[in-house]
Structure formats: structure tokens, C-alpha cells
Amino acid sequence: MPEPPGRLRVVLVDDHRLFRAGVRSELVRADVPLDVVGEAETVAEAVALVLEQQPDVVLLDVHMPDGGGRAVLAGVGSRASGTRFLALSVSDAAEDVIGVIRAGARGYVTKSISAGELADAVRRVADGDAVFSPRLAGFVLDAFSSSPPVPDEAPAADSADLDRLTARERDVLRLITRGYTYKEVAAELYLSVKTVETHVSSVLRKLQLSNRRELSRWAADRRFV
């Protein structure tokens, strides 16, 4: 049965099922005429779903185990010209915001956003506006007004640097640089928070970095995400 005219068609892309359920519930109750027409939890599922449904808006997680938002945008390419993408992430790191916007997203909001604000952001993105959580807009303005474009190919992570890390340290590094908190990393890898902290300290020492901000920059510069 065709959708009622005037209603926005939305797809949710996030690898956490409970989070998707919460977002769906809040959007359905919001004072915005929309329908959630599909959900995906992997890059492959998301690309296939967007191409099949051609929704008005995709609420897009930035970091997923198999690639995340930029991989979805690359996979869809120009084959869903009427679809706009709104990134929804726990991360407020500048490199994440700038990266996904350069890849083609129309906006970026953090998961601390209220239900009403999220529904309004979806509507505005569908109308063609660029929407950002307040402190994130500055990242984008700075990047596009004064910084040179990010090259298509960034230098790969130095194998000598990575060889100094254990497999578990690489797992922790990958999640930390995707914006996960220590608690979220611990839950993802079935570790204690204390063990995650120990791994991060070890990675910082081996890479000769001072703090998590430098670590995120190191990983972003080498596209180790």
C-alpha cells in the first residue's frame, strides 16, 4: 500500500537494536508526519535498504563494526538522489563530523539530542536544511572555510607502529577513535573498564602520544577507524 502523501519516509541505520527501537518509538510519537520504513544494522544491509526504499531521510550511525556512515554513503553513491542523510552518533569528535559531512551527509547530531529535536532535525534535513548540534557546526564552518579538502587517499597507519600493538590493543584503539567511551568499549569487547584503561595507557605509551585527543588525531590522519 503506498504511503500517505506528505509523510516523510525514514530509514534507521545503527548496529544497536535497542537504540533503534528507542529512536523508532520516539519518532513515531513526535509531532512530525513520518514513517520508519526500514532498519539496518550493517553497512551492506543499509546500502541495500536505502536503494530499495529510496527514503526521504536516513538516520545514520557514524561508527559500526563493518565500516559505518561513510561506508554507507560510499555504497549508495548517487543511486538515491532524493535521499538525504543525517548522522546520529555518540561521537562529537571533529574528525568524525567533518569526515561524514565530506562523504555526503546533510547534518550531524549527537545521541544526547531530545526526541523532539531529533524529529525536527529529520524534517529540516528532508526540507534541504543542513542541521548540526550547536557545538558541531563550528567544526564544519572551520573545515570548509579555511582548510584544504581531505585527499581521497590518506596515508595508511605505519605498520611499524601497529606492529607494536597487540591484537586487543588494536581493537580498543579502533573503538576509542570511533568515539566510544571506556564503558562502551568494555561492553563491546567484554572487558572491564579498568582493563580498557590499561590498554589505552599501553597504546599511548607505545605510540608516544600524551592523551586521547592526540590518539584520535593520530588514527584519523591514518584512517585507522
Foldseek 3Di string as FASTA:
>chain_A
DDDDPPAFEEEEEAQDPVVVVVLQVLLVPEPGRYHDPYYYHDLVVLLVVCLVPLTLEYAFEADHPHGGQLSNLVSNPCSSVNYAYEYEYQALDLLSQQVNVVSGHQEYEYPVDDSHVVNVVSVCVSVPHRDYDVVNVVSNCCCVPPNDDDDPAFAAQDVVLVVVADPVLLLLLLVLLSPDDLVRSCVVVVHDSVVSVVSVVVSCVSVVHDDSSVSNVSCSRNVSD
